Amino acid sequence: MIESHDLFHEFPEHQETIRKLMLSNDQFVALMKDYDDLDHKIARIEQRVEPATDLYAEELKYLRVRLKDKLYQLLTKAA
């Protein structure tokens, strides 16, 4: 089974802050959209719906981690 990496699963303790930022912070919304799009692309690769090299898949995962770090910084500032 493919593990979910959406922000609500990654940071369950920050669910209310995520909702608040989604309504009030355009930068957060843009980063979250990029994160969700990237996570969806990675899931499709892991499910073998989209072909990709291992190197490309790892690069996407690295980018997802960087985006998650930026989002976490915004979450902790807002909390």
C-alpha atoms as a PDB file:
ATOM      1  CA  MET A   1       0.000   0.000   0.000  1.00  0.00           C
ATOM      2  CA  ILE A   2       1.222   3.486  -0.886  1.00  0.00           C
ATOM      3  CA  GLU A   3       1.697   5.726   2.151  1.00  0.00           C
ATOM      4  CA  SER A   4      -0.112   9.068   2.200  1.00  0.00           C
ATOM      5  CA  HIS A   5       2.134  12.091   2.522  1.00  0.00           C
ATOM      6  CA  ASP A   6      -0.484  14.840   2.485  1.00  0.00           C
ATOM      7  CA  LEU A   7       0.099  17.544   5.091  1.00  0.00           C
ATOM      8  CA  PHE A   8      -2.825  16.509   7.270  1.00  0.00           C
ATOM      9  CA  HIS A   9      -1.221  13.054   7.673  1.00  0.00           C
ATOM     10  CA  GLU A  10       2.312  14.393   7.961  1.00  0.00           C
ATOM     11  CA  PHE A  11       1.454  16.982  10.626  1.00  0.00           C
ATOM     12  CA  PRO A  12      -1.729  15.841  12.398  1.00  0.00           C
ATOM     13  CA  GLU A  13      -0.920  18.082  15.364  1.00  0.00           C
ATOM     14  CA  HIS A  14      -1.090  21.131  13.064  1.00  0.00           C
ATOM     15  CA  GLN A  15      -4.395  20.440  11.309  1.00  0.00           C
ATOM     16  CA  GLU A  16      -6.064  23.594  12.629  1.00  0.00           C
ATOM     17  CA  THR A  17      -3.067  25.741  11.690  1.00  0.00           C
ATOM     18  CA  ILE A  18      -3.043  24.215   8.184  1.00  0.00           C
ATOM     19  CA  ARG A  19      -6.707  25.133   7.753  1.00  0.00           C
ATOM     20  CA  LYS A  20      -6.078  28.658   9.064  1.00  0.00           C
ATOM     21  CA  LEU A  21      -3.132  29.222   6.720  1.00  0.00           C
ATOM     22  CA  MET A  22      -5.066  27.833   3.760  1.00  0.00           C
ATOM     23  CA  LEU A  23      -7.533  30.684   4.268  1.00  0.00           C
ATOM     24  CA  SER A  24      -5.092  33.474   5.048  1.00  0.00           C
ATOM     25  CA  ASN A  25      -1.626  32.887   3.564  1.00  0.00           C
ATOM     26  CA  ASP A  26      -1.156  32.886  -0.217  1.00  0.00           C
ATOM     27  CA  GLN A  27       2.454  31.699   0.046  1.00  0.00           C
ATOM     28  CA  PHE A  28       1.370  28.712   2.125  1.00  0.00           C
ATOM     29  CA  VAL A  29      -1.413  27.881  -0.342  1.00  0.00           C
ATOM     30  CA  ALA A  30       0.999  28.006  -3.307  1.00  0.00           C
ATOM     31  CA  LEU A  31       3.581  25.824  -1.546  1.00  0.00           C
ATOM     32  CA  MET A  32       0.897  23.375  -0.438  1.00  0.00           C
ATOM     33  CA  LYS A  33      -0.411  23.097  -4.003  1.00  0.00           C
ATOM     34  CA  ASP A  34       3.119  22.432  -5.280  1.00  0.00           C
ATOM     35  CA  TYR A  35       3.612  19.870  -2.496  1.00  0.00           C
ATOM     36  CA  ASP A  36       0.316  18.106  -3.240  1.00  0.00           C
ATOM     37  CA  ASP A  37       1.032  18.033  -6.995  1.00  0.00           C
ATOM     38  CA  LEU A  38       4.482  16.588  -6.373  1.00  0.00           C
ATOM     39  CA  ASP A  39       3.142  14.047  -3.888  1.00  0.00           C
ATOM     40  CA  HIS A  40       0.512  12.948  -6.417  1.00  0.00           C
ATOM     41  CA  LYS A  41       3.175  12.540  -9.104  1.00  0.00           C
ATOM     42  CA  ILE A  42       5.343  10.448  -6.768  1.00  0.00           C
ATOM     43  CA  ALA A  43       2.356   8.274  -5.829  1.00  0.00           C
ATOM     44  CA  ARG A  44       1.619   7.626  -9.526  1.00  0.00           C
ATOM     45  CA  ILE A  45       5.242   6.582 -10.049  1.00  0.00           C
ATOM     46  CA  GLU A  46       5.180   4.307  -6.992  1.00  0.00           C
ATOM     47  CA  GLN A  47       1.932   2.736  -8.204  1.00  0.00           C
ATOM     48  CA  ARG A  48       3.606   2.200 -11.582  1.00  0.00           C
ATOM     49  CA  VAL A  49       0.974   4.285 -13.365  1.00  0.00           C
ATOM     50  CA  GLU A  50       3.699   6.623 -14.651  1.00  0.00           C
ATOM     51  CA  PRO A  51       7.079   5.266 -15.686  1.00  0.00           C
ATOM     52  CA  ALA A  52      10.179   6.914 -14.220  1.00  0.00           C
ATOM     53  CA  THR A  53      13.793   6.118 -13.515  1.00  0.00           C
ATOM     54  CA  ASP A  54      14.847   5.540  -9.928  1.00  0.00           C
ATOM     55  CA  LEU A  55      16.993   8.671 -10.079  1.00  0.00           C
ATOM     56  CA  TYR A  56      14.060  10.826 -11.193  1.00  0.00           C
ATOM     57  CA  ALA A  57      11.805   9.374  -8.490  1.00  0.00           C
ATOM     58  CA  GLU A  58      14.433  10.088  -5.840  1.00  0.00           C
ATOM     59  CA  GLU A  59      14.833  13.667  -7.098  1.00  0.00           C
ATOM     60  CA  LEU A  60      11.094  14.186  -6.781  1.00  0.00           C
ATOM     61  CA  LYS A  61      11.141  12.793  -3.239  1.00  0.00           C
ATOM     62  CA  TYR A  62      13.990  15.158  -2.354  1.00  0.00           C
ATOM     63  CA  LEU A  63      11.980  18.102  -3.692  1.00  0.00           C
ATOM     64  CA  ARG A  64       8.957  16.947  -1.678  1.00  0.00           C
ATOM     65  CA  VAL A  65      11.041  16.923   1.508  1.00  0.00           C
ATOM     66  CA  ARG A  66      12.315  20.447   0.802  1.00  0.00           C
ATOM     67  CA  LEU A  67       8.772  21.694   0.245  1.00  0.00           C
ATOM     68  CA  LYS A  68       7.603  19.935   3.406  1.00  0.00           C
ATOM     69  CA  ASP A  69      10.383  21.673   5.363  1.00  0.00           C
ATOM     70  CA  LYS A  70       9.278  25.092   4.049  1.00  0.00           C
ATOM     71  CA  LEU A  71       5.661  24.334   4.880  1.00  0.00           C
ATOM     72  CA  TYR A  72       6.630  23.167   8.373  1.00  0.00           C
ATOM     73  CA  GLN A  73       8.503  26.413   8.979  1.00  0.00           C
ATOM     74  CA  LEU A  74       5.389  28.389   8.068  1.00  0.00           C
ATOM     75  CA  LEU A  75       3.273  26.136  10.293  1.00  0.00           C
ATOM     76  CA  THR A  76       5.490  26.556  13.327  1.00  0.00           C
ATOM     77  CA  LYS A  77       5.647  30.339  12.862  1.00  0.00           C
ATOM     78  CA  ALA A  78       1.852  30.524  12.678  1.00  0.00           C
ATOM     79  CA  ALA A  79       1.179  28.159  15.583  1.00  0.00           C
END
